[in-house]
Amino acid sequence: MNRETMRTIVRVIAFGALWGLLEATLGYVLHLVHDYLPGLVMPAIGAAILIRFYKTASDRKAVFAVGAIAAAIKAVDFLIPGMNPLRVANPMLSILMETLVVGVLASRLLSAGAGRRIGYQFAASFGWRLVFLGALALEFWLFGIMSGQIASLAEAARFVLLNGLLSGAVWAVVDSLAALIPQTASRLFTRPAFAAGLAGIALAATYFLS
């Protein structure tokens, strides 16, 4: 394994752990404020993390790996006694579906001008929700489990259109704030000790704050 491959692996773990940690901590706080907020804010933050990673790596496969790490951290909740499996599986699915769509659009999201970039952000915000609904429909077909987002046409439309619109707007704000973070800050994410420590904290926070 060459040096650059190792650096990419370390960055994947660090960025994925950051996403997982924010899901566990900020997501927890937002949930206390209102149940509606995590579903609007956390996808925007996750997307911003993916694009920031892509800016350092320019590798779509590695972008997908970042989402896989974040989803794997969420899987720790399966270890909690009495946890409803859907409360773990569906958030994992949403992370993976968002990663899939944002990963496909990553180069355009990074290179487009300000106006078109916002357009791509809204397209991704709507798009991953549509893909996620497809995954939930497959889940229902395979296991007979009905999730709230597909319980009715109105719920599905609200999830895709209204939530997608609001979350896309949040993403535009988060994206502007993320641009203020110096690119040199990403160097920290190339350090193995930092990546390992962040992953450990993310795993612990996910377990204890769920």
Protein backbone atom coordinates (compact mmCIF):
# COMPACT_ATOMS: atom_id res chain seq x y z
CA MET A 1 0.00 0.00 0.00
CA ASN A 2 1.53 3.30 -1.08
CA ARG A 3 1.67 6.46 1.01
CA GLU A 4 -1.11 8.29 -0.87
CA THR A 5 -3.51 5.34 -0.52
CA MET A 6 -2.86 5.27 3.21
CA ARG A 7 -3.49 9.01 3.46
CA THR A 8 -6.80 8.57 1.63
CA ILE A 9 -7.86 5.78 4.00
CA VAL A 10 -7.03 7.97 7.00
CA ARG A 11 -9.04 10.86 5.51
CA VAL A 12 -11.98 8.55 4.81
CA ILE A 13 -12.04 7.38 8.43
CA ALA A 14 -11.64 10.91 9.80
CA PHE A 15 -14.34 12.51 7.63
CA GLY A 16 -16.71 9.57 8.13
CA ALA A 17 -16.13 9.72 11.89
CA LEU A 18 -16.80 13.47 11.87
CA TRP A 19 -20.14 12.89 10.17
CA GLY A 20 -20.98 10.06 12.58
CA LEU A 21 -20.03 12.19 15.58
CA LEU A 22 -22.15 15.12 14.44
CA GLU A 23 -25.10 12.80 13.80
CA ALA A 24 -24.80 11.52 17.37
CA THR A 25 -24.23 14.87 19.11
CA LEU A 26 -25.73 17.71 17.09
CA GLY A 27 -28.46 15.39 15.85
CA TYR A 28 -29.29 14.53 19.46
CA VAL A 29 -29.50 18.21 20.45
CA LEU A 30 -31.66 19.08 17.45
CA HIS A 31 -33.98 16.19 18.28
CA LEU A 32 -34.46 17.64 21.78
CA VAL A 33 -35.45 20.98 20.25
CA HIS A 34 -37.87 19.51 17.68
CA ASP A 35 -38.23 16.09 16.05
CA TYR A 36 -38.41 17.77 12.64
CA LEU A 37 -35.02 19.51 12.79
CA PRO A 38 -32.53 16.60 12.48
CA GLY A 39 -34.03 15.53 9.15
CA LEU A 40 -33.51 19.03 7.74
CA VAL A 41 -30.15 19.99 9.21
CA MET A 42 -28.13 16.78 9.41
CA PRO A 43 -28.38 15.84 5.69
CA ALA A 44 -27.10 19.33 4.83
CA ILE A 45 -24.14 18.91 7.18
CA GLY A 46 -23.44 15.42 5.85
CA ALA A 47 -23.45 16.71 2.28
CA ALA A 48 -21.08 19.54 3.20
CA ILE A 49 -18.70 17.03 4.79
CA LEU A 50 -18.78 14.85 1.65
CA ILE A 51 -18.01 17.80 -0.62
CA ARG A 52 -15.24 19.03 1.66
CA PHE A 53 -13.74 15.54 1.53
CA TYR A 54 -14.07 15.39 -2.26
CA LYS A 55 -12.19 18.69 -2.44
CA THR A 56 -9.24 16.99 -0.74
CA ALA A 57 -9.45 13.63 -2.52
CA SER A 58 -11.28 14.02 -5.90
CA ASP A 59 -12.18 10.34 -5.68
CA ARG A 60 -15.85 9.31 -5.91
CA LYS A 61 -15.18 5.82 -4.56
CA ALA A 62 -13.58 7.35 -1.50
CA VAL A 63 -16.60 9.66 -1.10
CA PHE A 64 -18.84 6.58 -0.94
CA ALA A 65 -16.48 5.10 1.67
CA VAL A 66 -16.92 8.20 3.87
CA GLY A 67 -20.68 7.62 3.92
CA ALA A 68 -20.14 3.93 4.62
CA ILE A 69 -18.02 4.82 7.68
CA ALA A 70 -20.71 7.21 8.97
CA ALA A 71 -23.39 4.55 8.46
CA ALA A 72 -21.22 1.92 10.18
CA ILE A 73 -20.86 4.18 13.22
CA LYS A 74 -24.65 4.48 13.37
CA ALA A 75 -24.84 0.67 13.33
CA VAL A 76 -23.44 0.66 16.87
CA ASP A 77 -27.00 1.40 17.99
CA PHE A 78 -27.92 -2.20 17.11
CA LEU A 79 -26.02 -3.15 20.28
CA ILE A 80 -28.40 -1.18 22.51
CA PRO A 81 -30.89 -3.53 24.24
CA GLY A 82 -34.48 -2.97 23.15
CA MET A 83 -33.57 -0.64 20.30
CA ASN A 84 -36.11 -0.65 17.46
CA PRO A 85 -34.14 -1.92 14.43
CA LEU A 86 -35.88 0.60 12.16
CA ARG A 87 -34.50 3.47 14.25
CA VAL A 88 -31.06 2.24 13.25
CA ALA A 89 -31.54 0.76 9.78
CA ASN A 90 -33.44 3.67 8.23
CA PRO A 91 -30.99 6.40 9.31
CA MET A 92 -28.19 4.20 7.97
CA LEU A 93 -30.07 3.87 4.70
CA SER A 94 -30.57 7.63 4.49
CA ILE A 95 -26.84 8.24 5.00
CA LEU A 96 -25.97 5.75 2.26
CA MET A 97 -28.57 7.07 -0.20
CA GLU A 98 -27.46 10.65 0.36
CA THR A 99 -23.84 9.63 -0.12
CA LEU A 100 -24.74 7.89 -3.37
CA VAL A 101 -26.46 10.94 -4.87
CA VAL A 102 -24.00 13.54 -3.56
CA GLY A 103 -21.10 11.36 -4.70
CA VAL A 104 -22.49 11.20 -8.24
CA LEU A 105 -22.91 15.00 -8.33
CA ALA A 106 -19.73 15.79 -6.38
CA SER A 107 -17.64 17.16 -9.24
CA ARG A 108 -20.47 19.46 -10.40
CA LEU A 109 -21.19 20.61 -6.85
CA LEU A 110 -17.55 21.53 -6.44
CA SER A 111 -16.87 23.16 -9.81
CA ALA A 112 -20.14 24.95 -10.61
CA GLY A 113 -20.59 28.68 -10.15
CA ALA A 114 -22.56 29.99 -7.19
CA GLY A 115 -25.97 29.97 -8.87
CA ARG A 116 -25.66 26.57 -10.50
CA ARG A 117 -24.09 25.15 -7.35
CA ILE A 118 -27.23 26.01 -5.38
CA GLY A 119 -29.29 24.39 -8.11
CA TYR A 120 -27.27 21.19 -7.81
CA GLN A 121 -27.64 21.30 -4.04
CA PHE A 122 -31.42 21.38 -4.32
CA ALA A 123 -31.31 18.64 -6.99
CA ALA A 124 -29.25 16.44 -4.67
CA SER A 125 -31.53 17.24 -1.72
CA PHE A 126 -34.59 16.13 -3.68
CA GLY A 127 -32.77 13.29 -5.43
CA TRP A 128 -31.45 11.34 -2.46
CA ARG A 129 -34.88 11.48 -0.84
CA LEU A 130 -36.44 9.91 -3.92
CA VAL A 131 -33.83 7.16 -3.88
CA PHE A 132 -34.42 6.68 -0.16
CA LEU A 133 -38.15 6.26 -0.74
CA GLY A 134 -37.30 3.55 -3.25
CA ALA A 135 -35.20 1.80 -0.60
CA LEU A 136 -38.07 2.05 1.89
CA ALA A 137 -40.47 0.62 -0.70
CA LEU A 138 -38.09 -2.31 -1.21
CA GLU A 139 -37.89 -2.72 2.57
CA PHE A 140 -41.69 -2.91 2.70
CA TRP A 141 -41.82 -5.40 -0.16
CA LEU A 142 -39.20 -7.66 1.42
CA PHE A 143 -40.12 -7.45 5.09
CA GLY A 144 -43.60 -5.94 5.23
CA ILE A 145 -42.34 -3.00 7.29
CA MET A 146 -44.14 0.27 6.53
CA SER A 147 -42.13 3.41 7.25
CA GLY A 148 -43.83 6.74 7.84
CA GLN A 149 -42.33 8.37 4.74
CA ILE A 150 -44.20 5.95 2.45
CA ALA A 151 -47.36 5.58 4.55
CA SER A 152 -49.24 7.82 2.10
CA LEU A 153 -48.68 9.83 -1.06
CA ALA A 154 -48.98 13.03 0.99
CA GLU A 155 -46.25 11.89 3.40
CA ALA A 156 -43.98 10.88 0.53
CA ALA A 157 -44.51 14.23 -1.20
CA ARG A 158 -43.85 16.14 2.02
CA PHE A 159 -40.67 14.20 2.65
CA VAL A 160 -39.30 14.77 -0.85
CA LEU A 161 -40.61 18.21 -1.77
CA LEU A 162 -41.01 20.19 1.46
CA ASN A 163 -38.17 18.58 3.42
CA GLY A 164 -36.00 18.58 0.32
CA LEU A 165 -36.63 22.27 -0.25
CA LEU A 166 -35.96 23.26 3.36
CA SER A 167 -32.91 21.04 3.71
CA GLY A 168 -31.53 22.34 0.42
CA ALA A 169 -31.78 25.87 1.78
CA VAL A 170 -29.99 24.79 4.97
CA TRP A 171 -27.29 23.17 2.83
CA ALA A 172 -26.71 26.44 0.98
CA VAL A 173 -26.15 28.18 4.33
CA VAL A 174 -23.91 25.40 5.68
CA ASP A 175 -21.95 25.45 2.43
CA SER A 176 -21.30 29.18 2.81
CA LEU A 177 -20.14 28.70 6.40
CA ALA A 178 -17.93 25.73 5.45
CA ALA A 179 -16.19 27.89 2.85
CA LEU A 180 -14.93 30.07 5.71
CA ILE A 181 -12.98 27.15 7.21
CA PRO A 182 -9.36 27.33 5.97
CA GLN A 183 -8.36 24.50 3.66
CA THR A 184 -5.32 23.96 5.87
CA ALA A 185 -7.68 22.61 8.55
CA SER A 186 -8.11 19.50 6.40
CA ARG A 187 -4.50 18.55 7.11
CA LEU A 188 -5.55 17.45 10.56
CA PHE A 189 -7.67 14.76 8.89
CA THR A 190 -4.57 13.13 7.40
CA ARG A 191 -3.20 12.21 10.83
CA PRO A 192 -3.89 8.57 11.83
CA ALA A 193 -4.05 9.36 15.56
CA PHE A 194 -6.64 12.07 14.96
CA ALA A 195 -8.74 9.79 12.73
CA ALA A 196 -8.62 6.93 15.23
CA GLY A 197 -9.47 9.20 18.17
CA LEU A 198 -12.35 10.83 16.32
CA ALA A 199 -13.73 7.42 15.35
CA GLY A 200 -13.56 6.23 18.95
CA ILE A 201 -15.36 9.33 20.23
CA ALA A 202 -17.99 8.99 17.50
CA LEU A 203 -18.66 5.34 18.40
CA ALA A 204 -18.99 6.16 22.09
CA ALA A 205 -21.24 9.17 21.48
CA THR A 206 -23.48 7.15 19.17
CA TYR A 207 -23.95 4.44 21.77
CA PHE A 208 -24.46 6.63 24.82
CA LEU A 209 -26.58 9.38 23.27
CA SER A 210 -29.06 7.12 21.48
